[in-house]
Amino acid sequence: MNRITGVALSVGVTGIGALALVGADVPSVMSSLGSITLIGTLAKFSVGFPLIYHYLGGVRHLVWDKMPEATLTNEEVSKASYALLGSATALSVILAFVSI
């Protein structure tokens, strides 16, 4: 899942870069997209989830690097994976409904 979110982020940044290269006003396009009720909420979630998941996955790996003896059992890795998925989903849903 960490690799999938990393690829999704790369594709998204490439798309935004391509828009900028062809002369699109990227901030205006993103603002317009975000202001559409249902589509904007889905778009915010689609950007937020990979970003949050990938970031929290990196934090999880830092914890694993610092305390491998306490955190790298099969049971602890499974618990951490479910906690990561749940927290990333919850944070993404909350942020998708925030109007900035």
Protein backbone atom coordinates (compact mmCIF):
# COMPACT_ATOMS: atom_id res chain seq x y z
CA MET A 1 0.00 0.00 0.00
CA ASN A 2 2.91 2.33 0.72
CA ARG A 3 4.25 1.81 -2.80
CA ILE A 4 0.81 2.31 -4.33
CA THR A 5 0.36 5.62 -2.54
CA GLY A 6 3.87 6.66 -3.57
CA VAL A 7 3.07 5.95 -7.22
CA ALA A 8 -0.26 7.79 -6.91
CA LEU A 9 1.54 10.83 -5.51
CA SER A 10 4.09 10.72 -8.33
CA VAL A 11 1.36 10.51 -10.96
CA GLY A 12 -0.52 13.40 -9.35
CA VAL A 13 2.53 15.64 -9.20
CA THR A 14 3.36 14.76 -12.81
CA GLY A 15 -0.17 15.71 -13.86
CA ILE A 16 0.00 19.03 -12.04
CA GLY A 17 3.41 19.69 -13.58
CA ALA A 18 2.04 18.89 -17.05
CA LEU A 19 -0.83 21.34 -16.51
CA ALA A 20 1.66 24.02 -15.51
CA LEU A 21 3.84 23.29 -18.56
CA VAL A 22 0.95 23.85 -20.97
CA GLY A 23 0.16 27.17 -19.32
CA ALA A 24 -2.81 26.30 -17.11
CA ASP A 25 -3.40 28.38 -14.00
CA VAL A 26 -2.96 25.43 -11.61
CA PRO A 27 -4.07 27.18 -8.39
CA SER A 28 -7.23 28.39 -10.11
CA VAL A 29 -7.97 24.95 -11.57
CA MET A 30 -7.48 23.28 -8.17
CA SER A 31 -9.61 25.91 -6.43
CA SER A 32 -12.41 25.47 -8.96
CA LEU A 33 -12.26 21.70 -8.65
CA GLY A 34 -12.26 21.88 -4.85
CA SER A 35 -15.30 24.14 -4.74
CA ILE A 36 -17.60 21.63 -6.50
CA THR A 37 -19.41 19.88 -3.65
CA LEU A 38 -19.24 16.13 -4.33
CA ILE A 39 -16.40 16.13 -6.84
CA GLY A 40 -14.37 18.49 -4.67
CA THR A 41 -14.76 16.29 -1.61
CA LEU A 42 -13.73 13.19 -3.58
CA ALA A 43 -10.80 15.05 -5.11
CA LYS A 44 -9.62 16.23 -1.69
CA PHE A 45 -9.86 12.68 -0.35
CA SER A 46 -8.05 11.32 -3.43
CA VAL A 47 -5.15 13.68 -2.79
CA GLY A 48 -5.22 13.56 0.99
CA PHE A 49 -5.32 9.80 1.50
CA PRO A 50 -2.14 8.90 -0.42
CA LEU A 51 -0.29 11.83 1.11
CA ILE A 52 -1.32 11.04 4.69
CA TYR A 53 -0.89 7.27 4.31
CA HIS A 54 2.54 7.61 2.73
CA TYR A 55 3.69 10.09 5.40
CA LEU A 56 2.40 7.99 8.31
CA GLY A 57 3.94 4.89 6.71
CA GLY A 58 7.29 6.68 6.80
CA VAL A 59 6.78 7.50 10.47
CA ARG A 60 5.96 3.83 11.11
CA HIS A 61 9.21 2.80 9.44
CA LEU A 62 11.15 5.27 11.59
CA VAL A 63 9.64 3.67 14.69
CA TRP A 64 10.55 0.23 13.36
CA ASP A 65 14.13 1.40 12.76
CA LYS A 66 14.46 2.76 16.29
CA MET A 67 12.80 -0.15 18.13
CA PRO A 68 12.93 -3.29 15.96
CA GLU A 69 12.93 -5.72 18.88
CA ALA A 70 9.67 -4.33 20.27
CA THR A 71 7.76 -3.63 17.07
CA LEU A 72 8.72 -6.21 14.46
CA THR A 73 6.71 -9.24 15.45
CA ASN A 74 4.01 -10.53 13.11
CA GLU A 75 1.28 -9.48 15.53
CA GLU A 76 2.68 -5.96 16.06
CA VAL A 77 3.21 -5.39 12.34
CA SER A 78 -0.41 -6.40 11.63
CA LYS A 79 -1.68 -4.09 14.37
CA ALA A 80 0.44 -1.22 13.06
CA SER A 81 -0.83 -1.79 9.52
CA TYR A 82 -4.48 -1.68 10.58
CA ALA A 83 -3.83 1.38 12.75
CA LEU A 84 -2.09 3.09 9.84
CA LEU A 85 -4.92 2.35 7.42
CA GLY A 86 -7.58 3.44 9.90
CA SER A 87 -5.87 6.64 10.95
CA ALA A 88 -5.04 7.64 7.36
CA THR A 89 -8.63 7.01 6.29
CA ALA A 90 -10.08 8.93 9.25
CA LEU A 91 -7.78 11.92 8.78
CA SER A 92 -8.44 11.96 5.02
CA VAL A 93 -12.22 11.93 5.50
CA ILE A 94 -12.00 14.76 8.04
CA LEU A 95 -9.77 16.85 5.81
CA ALA A 96 -11.91 16.17 2.72
CA PHE A 97 -14.82 17.96 4.35
CA VAL A 98 -12.78 20.93 5.55
CA SER A 99 -13.26 24.00 3.41
CA ILE A 100 -10.08 26.03 3.07
